[in-house]
Amino acid sequence: MSLSEATRSKIESLIASDRVVLFMKGDRAFPQCGFSARVVQMLDSLLPKYTTVDVLRAPDVREGIKEYASWPTIPQLYVDGEFLGGCDIVTELFSTGELKRKLEDAPAR
């Protein structure tokens, strides 16, 4: 699937909407997969506020975000517009304290 300009623009707008954006299955209050739930749990322990995008409600974003980041799985975490990774990478960053440092260093929007 080729990423359309409209979908690319929509994804870029979502990423720019907050300093921390998580593309996930479900939402923060009700994750719809274990990997999304794990990332939400880590973020909730570090941040009072961040944005989640439920890719189950937006099939264009669900497929488009994979191509946008050249990353085949969801969830996907963005901090200050930068793609950090999926569940495994975020888990590693969390366990080493690097995720906390990245979140503290991210400029407020």
Protein backbone atom coordinates (compact mmCIF):
# COMPACT_ATOMS: atom_id res chain seq x y z
CA MET A 1 0.00 0.00 0.00
CA SER A 2 1.31 3.40 -0.94
CA LEU A 3 0.82 6.16 1.61
CA SER A 4 -1.50 8.80 0.14
CA GLU A 5 -0.70 12.45 0.63
CA ALA A 6 -3.99 12.91 2.51
CA THR A 7 -3.15 10.12 4.96
CA ARG A 8 0.43 11.36 5.36
CA SER A 9 -0.88 14.82 6.17
CA LYS A 10 -3.40 13.41 8.65
CA ILE A 11 -0.68 11.38 10.42
CA GLU A 12 1.69 14.36 10.56
CA SER A 13 -1.08 16.49 12.01
CA LEU A 14 -1.81 13.87 14.68
CA ILE A 15 1.87 13.59 15.58
CA ALA A 16 2.14 17.39 15.85
CA SER A 17 -0.98 17.62 18.04
CA ASP A 18 0.88 16.82 21.28
CA ARG A 19 4.43 16.28 22.46
CA VAL A 20 3.68 12.62 23.23
CA VAL A 21 1.44 10.68 20.84
CA LEU A 22 0.74 6.96 20.99
CA PHE A 23 -0.82 5.22 18.00
CA MET A 24 -2.50 2.19 19.52
CA LYS A 25 -5.37 -0.27 19.34
CA GLY A 26 -8.09 1.15 21.56
CA ASP A 27 -7.57 4.17 23.77
CA ARG A 28 -5.83 5.03 27.00
CA ALA A 29 -8.83 4.05 29.12
CA PHE A 30 -9.53 0.81 27.23
CA PRO A 31 -6.59 -0.65 25.30
CA GLN A 32 -7.63 -3.33 22.81
CA CYS A 33 -4.41 -5.35 22.76
CA GLY A 34 -1.81 -6.40 25.28
CA PHE A 35 1.04 -4.54 23.60
CA SER A 36 -0.92 -1.27 23.58
CA ALA A 37 -1.92 -1.84 27.22
CA ARG A 38 1.71 -2.36 28.21
CA VAL A 39 2.83 0.92 26.62
CA VAL A 40 -0.11 2.78 28.19
CA GLN A 41 0.84 1.39 31.59
CA MET A 42 4.42 2.64 31.20
CA LEU A 43 3.36 6.07 29.95
CA ASP A 44 0.74 6.41 32.70
CA SER A 45 3.46 5.85 35.29
CA LEU A 46 5.48 8.72 33.83
CA LEU A 47 3.01 11.25 32.40
CA PRO A 48 -0.29 12.76 33.48
CA LYS A 49 -1.25 13.70 29.91
CA TYR A 50 -0.54 12.41 26.44
CA THR A 51 -2.51 11.76 23.28
CA THR A 52 -3.62 8.38 22.03
CA VAL A 53 -4.88 7.63 18.52
CA ASP A 54 -7.14 4.60 18.18
CA VAL A 55 -6.08 3.05 14.87
CA LEU A 56 -9.03 0.64 15.02
CA ARG A 57 -11.30 3.63 14.32
CA ALA A 58 -9.22 4.86 11.39
CA PRO A 59 -8.18 2.11 8.94
CA ASP A 60 -6.27 4.62 6.78
CA VAL A 61 -4.17 5.66 9.78
CA ARG A 62 -3.79 2.03 10.93
CA GLU A 63 -2.14 1.04 7.65
CA GLY A 64 -0.58 4.41 6.91
CA ILE A 65 1.32 4.75 10.19
CA LYS A 66 3.13 1.49 9.46
CA GLU A 67 4.40 2.86 6.17
CA TYR A 68 5.01 6.34 7.58
CA ALA A 69 7.41 5.00 10.22
CA SER A 70 8.64 2.01 8.22
CA TRP A 71 7.59 -0.01 11.26
CA PRO A 72 5.24 -2.98 10.80
CA THR A 73 3.49 -3.08 14.17
CA ILE A 74 1.27 -1.07 16.47
CA PRO A 75 1.58 0.51 19.01
CA GLN A 76 3.92 3.24 17.89
CA LEU A 77 5.16 5.99 20.21
CA TYR A 78 6.18 9.49 19.11
CA VAL A 79 7.83 12.02 21.41
CA ASP A 80 8.33 15.56 20.16
CA GLY A 81 7.60 14.36 16.63
CA GLU A 82 10.24 11.62 16.76
CA PHE A 83 9.30 7.96 16.37
CA LEU A 84 10.69 6.06 19.36
CA GLY A 85 9.45 2.58 18.56
CA GLY A 86 6.92 -0.08 19.35
CA CYS A 87 6.20 -2.02 22.52
CA ASP A 88 9.53 -3.88 22.73
CA ILE A 89 11.65 -0.77 22.23
CA VAL A 90 9.52 1.34 24.57
CA THR A 91 9.77 -1.43 27.19
CA GLU A 92 13.56 -1.41 26.87
CA LEU A 93 13.68 2.40 27.07
CA PHE A 94 11.45 2.29 30.14
CA SER A 95 13.54 -0.36 31.91
CA THR A 96 16.77 1.60 31.40
CA GLY A 97 15.26 4.95 32.44
CA GLU A 98 15.82 6.38 28.97
CA LEU A 99 12.07 6.79 28.32
CA LYS A 100 11.72 8.91 31.45
CA ARG A 101 14.66 11.07 30.36
CA LYS A 102 13.23 11.51 26.86
CA LEU A 103 9.85 12.50 28.27
CA GLU A 104 11.44 14.96 30.69
CA ASP A 105 13.57 16.45 27.90
CA ALA A 106 10.72 16.83 25.40
CA PRO A 107 9.80 20.48 24.95
CA ALA A 108 6.33 21.41 26.15
CA ARG A 109 3.80 22.33 23.48
